[in-house]
Protein backbone atom coordinates (compact mmCIF):
# COMPACT_ATOMS: atom_id res chain seq x y z
CA MET A 1 8.76 0.98 15.54
CA ILE A 2 8.97 3.17 12.49
CA ARG A 3 10.06 0.22 10.39
CA LEU A 4 7.11 -1.81 11.71
CA ILE A 5 4.66 0.93 10.79
CA VAL A 6 6.18 1.34 7.33
CA ALA A 7 6.24 -2.42 6.68
CA GLN A 8 2.63 -2.89 7.69
CA GLY A 9 1.59 0.13 5.67
CA ASP A 10 3.37 -1.38 2.67
CA VAL A 11 1.42 -4.62 3.13
CA LEU A 12 -1.86 -2.75 3.13
CA ALA A 13 -0.91 -0.53 0.21
CA SER A 14 0.54 -3.21 -2.05
CA ALA A 15 -1.72 -6.19 -1.36
CA ASP A 16 -4.60 -7.09 -3.61
CA PRO A 17 -7.63 -6.67 -1.33
CA ARG A 18 -9.03 -9.95 -2.62
CA GLN A 19 -5.96 -11.77 -1.26
CA LEU A 20 -6.32 -10.48 2.29
CA GLU A 21 -8.24 -12.43 4.88
CA ALA A 22 -11.24 -10.61 6.30
CA ASP A 23 -9.55 -10.25 9.71
CA SER A 24 -6.15 -9.19 8.29
CA VAL A 25 -6.93 -5.54 7.64
CA PRO A 26 -8.35 -4.82 11.11
CA ALA A 27 -5.43 -6.68 12.72
CA LEU A 28 -2.89 -4.71 10.71
CA GLY A 29 -4.75 -1.49 11.46
CA ASP A 30 -4.70 -2.21 15.20
CA SER A 31 -1.00 -3.02 15.07
CA ILE A 32 -0.18 0.18 13.16
CA TYR A 33 -2.30 2.19 15.62
CA GLU A 34 -0.59 0.65 18.67
CA ALA A 35 2.87 1.21 17.18
CA GLY A 36 1.91 4.82 16.44
CA LEU A 37 0.82 5.36 20.05
CA ALA A 38 4.08 3.85 21.32
CA LEU A 39 6.10 6.05 18.97
CA ARG A 40 4.18 9.15 20.05
CA ALA A 41 4.83 8.31 23.74
CA LEU A 42 8.52 7.86 22.98
CA MET A 43 8.71 11.19 21.16
CA GLU A 44 6.93 12.93 24.05
CA GLN A 45 9.52 11.49 26.46
CA VAL A 46 12.34 12.74 24.25
CA GLY A 47 10.74 16.18 24.15
CA LYS A 48 10.37 16.26 27.94
CA GLN A 49 14.01 15.25 28.39
CA ALA A 50 15.12 18.04 26.05
CA MET A 51 13.06 20.57 28.00
CA GLN A 52 14.46 19.30 31.30
CA GLY A 53 17.99 19.61 29.91
CA GLU A 54 17.36 23.19 28.84
CA GLN A 55 15.96 24.02 32.28
CA ALA A 56 19.07 22.50 33.87
CA GLY A 57 21.27 24.75 31.75
CA VAL A 58 22.50 22.12 29.29
CA PRO A 59 23.12 23.89 25.98
CA THR A 60 21.16 22.41 23.13
CA SER A 61 24.29 22.51 20.95
CA ARG A 62 25.69 19.73 23.13
CA ALA A 63 22.72 17.47 22.44
CA ARG A 64 23.29 14.50 20.15
CA ASN A 65 20.94 13.44 17.40
CA VAL A 66 20.30 9.71 17.69
CA ASP A 67 18.69 7.74 14.88
CA CYS A 68 16.39 4.77 15.36
CA ASP A 69 19.31 2.37 14.85
CA GLY A 70 21.24 3.99 17.70
CA SER A 71 23.78 5.80 15.53
CA THR A 72 24.50 9.43 16.29
CA SER A 73 25.05 12.31 13.96
CA ALA A 74 28.75 12.08 14.79
CA ASN A 75 28.82 8.53 13.39
CA ARG A 76 27.24 9.41 10.04
CA PRO A 77 29.18 10.69 7.05
CA ARG A 78 28.22 14.20 6.04
CA SER A 79 26.28 14.56 2.84
CA SER A 80 27.88 16.55 0.07
CA GLY A 81 24.52 17.93 -0.91
């Protein structure tokens, strides 16, 4: 979803307005809006799950960070930075 939002934002930002069809901008705007709503709902679910885990006594240090591609923090190399 994030990639969809970014890609559509790039289209709007980089396109010459004279090259866009009259209906393109509203269609892209609707799509970005819908993807944003879906992403917000997903993030709210994640937040609720975290709160439920804390209430059940699951330590937050045992939680895994999962990226959009499904990889976890354990799978990523550590930055030297």
